[in-house]
N, C-alpha and C. Protein backbone atom coordinates (compact mmCIF):
# COMPACT_ATOMS: atom_id res chain seq x y z
N MET A 1 97.57 82.61 109.94
CA MET A 1 96.44 83.26 110.42
C MET A 1 95.36 82.98 109.50
N PHE A 2 94.05 82.62 110.36
CA PHE A 2 92.89 82.13 109.71
C PHE A 2 92.47 83.23 108.34
N LEU A 3 92.13 84.37 108.63
CA LEU A 3 92.16 85.58 107.98
C LEU A 3 92.78 85.23 106.50
N GLU A 4 94.20 85.23 106.82
CA GLU A 4 95.03 85.25 105.59
C GLU A 4 94.58 84.05 104.76
N ALA A 5 94.44 83.08 105.30
CA ALA A 5 94.11 81.99 104.40
C ALA A 5 92.78 81.96 103.87
N ILE A 6 91.93 82.63 104.24
CA ILE A 6 90.87 82.73 103.51
C ILE A 6 91.00 83.96 102.58
N VAL A 7 91.87 85.00 102.71
CA VAL A 7 92.10 85.93 101.44
C VAL A 7 93.14 85.14 100.61
N GLU A 8 93.80 84.39 100.90
CA GLU A 8 94.70 83.75 99.77
C GLU A 8 93.82 82.64 99.04
N ARG A 9 92.85 82.08 99.60
CA ARG A 9 91.92 81.37 98.87
C ARG A 9 90.99 82.11 98.10
N PHE A 10 90.49 83.24 98.55
CA PHE A 10 89.60 84.21 97.80
C PHE A 10 90.45 84.70 96.31
N ASN A 11 91.92 85.14 96.72
CA ASN A 11 92.36 85.57 95.63
C ASN A 11 92.70 84.25 94.56
N CYS A 12 93.05 82.99 94.81
CA CYS A 12 93.03 81.98 94.15
C CYS A 12 91.66 81.95 93.08
N THR A 13 90.74 81.69 93.84
CA THR A 13 89.43 81.42 93.39
C THR A 13 88.97 82.29 92.27
N GLY A 14 89.46 83.80 92.85
CA GLY A 14 88.79 85.11 91.91
C GLY A 14 89.65 85.10 90.64
N PHE A 15 91.07 84.66 90.64
CA PHE A 15 91.58 84.30 89.63
C PHE A 15 91.24 83.32 88.53
N LEU A 16 91.11 82.15 89.07
CA LEU A 16 90.17 81.26 88.05
C LEU A 16 89.15 81.67 87.57
N TYR A 17 88.19 82.34 88.44
CA TYR A 17 86.62 82.75 88.02
C TYR A 17 87.32 83.95 86.93
N ARG A 18 88.20 84.72 87.19
CA ARG A 18 88.37 85.68 86.03
C ARG A 18 88.99 85.15 84.70
N GLU A 19 89.45 84.07 84.97
CA GLU A 19 89.87 83.56 83.74
C GLU A 19 89.00 82.61 82.75
N LEU A 20 88.09 82.24 83.81
CA LEU A 20 87.14 81.40 83.24
C LEU A 20 85.92 82.76 82.45
N LEU A 21 85.46 83.79 83.22
CA LEU A 21 84.92 84.59 82.16
C LEU A 21 85.34 85.18 81.21
N LEU A 22 86.98 85.38 80.94
CA LEU A 22 87.37 85.92 79.83
C LEU A 22 87.42 84.50 78.78
N SER A 23 87.61 83.29 79.28
CA SER A 23 87.51 82.62 78.10
C SER A 23 86.16 82.42 77.60
N LEU A 24 85.11 82.24 78.63
CA LEU A 24 84.04 82.89 77.92
C LEU A 24 83.37 83.58 77.01
N GLN A 25 83.88 84.61 77.31
CA GLN A 25 83.84 86.07 76.65
C GLN A 25 84.46 86.02 75.21
N GLY A 26 85.80 85.61 75.23
CA GLY A 26 86.66 85.51 74.28
C GLY A 26 86.29 84.45 73.11
């Protein structure tokens, strides 16, 4: 489904973004 693909991609990018923020803060 199209929505599922968007949500899955958002979860992946959101995880990478969180890792990036943690690495910058730490």
